[in-house]
Structure formats: C-alpha cells, structure tokens
Amino acid sequence: MNAQKKNIIDVSGKSGRYEVILNRAGMEVKIIGAFHLAGNTKHELSLFIVHKAPRTRAETELRGVVEGHASLTLSGTIIIEKKAQKSESFLREKVLLLSPTAKAEAVPNLEILADDVKCSHAATMSNISEEQIFYLMSRGLTRKKAEKMIVEGFLQIG
C-alpha cells in the first residue's frame, strides 16, 4: 500500500503481511486496526511501515481482544531508511485477554538507519480488572454488560 498525504489506513480484521510505504517527502499516515477473536480462531498480522523519504510521519495503533482458545499475533515493524531524515513514527500494540486459554503475541520492531528521527514502539497485554467490573456493576450494570462495555471501549481507536 502506498500512503497518500494525511491518509488513514484501517487494517481491522485483516490478516497476512502488509507494507505501508511513505515514499514522498512530507507524507503522513495513520494506521489503525482492531481485532476481536473468540473460539478457536487464529489470526496473524504482520505490518511493515517503511519510511523512504524525509519528513514522513506514521502513527500506528493496533488493538486486539482475545477470548476462548483464540490466538492473535500482531507484528509491527517500523523501518526508517537512511534518506528519511526528520521522519517520525510511532507504533502501539495493545491486547486484552478475556480468558486464561486465550493467547496473544505483540511484537513491535524498529529498524532505524537514519540519525535524525523520532520513533517509538510499545506493546501491552492485560486482563479486565476486577476494579473496572466492580465500578460498572455498582452503577447498575450486570457483569456481562460491564465486560461488553469495557471491550467495546477498548476497541475504539481515536
């Protein structure tokens, strides 16, 4: 995929290998992806964000909710080539595990060949906290509705 200036690319629900190439100076892209897996579903996404030109910018946020015996692998790689000076790229991968048998792997990677860039990556995995459930139940929601509300909110990417 070639990114156009100020483009939003949605990879929600997609699996496989994807490349987003920023090949013109000043190009900007926001990449988002939300995944909700249940049962025995297995899902893998490999995303490569390649900065080939100077002053390019990418912001990537991938979120997953995994329950049952499902398995999710999110692999994001930021590549900033030597000519892509003054580029910025940020990658966040967040996963919420809803059952003890759910599996997830979040693998953020950086390959930076330029020396004047701003770049970061992060990965988190968590469960729904009992404090969150308690708070919503104290407001009159059932446990099931509270969990549903938390999951829906988690999958919203702004």
Foldseek 3Di string as FASTA:
>chain_A
DEAAAAEEAECEPHADEEEYEDADARREYEYEYEEEEEDAAEGEYEYEYEYNAANYEYEYEYEYEWEYQYEYEYEYEYEYAQRHAAYEYEEEYEYEYADPNYYYHYHYYYHYPHDHYHYDYYYYYYYDDPVQLVVVVVVPDDSVVSVVVVSVVRRDDD
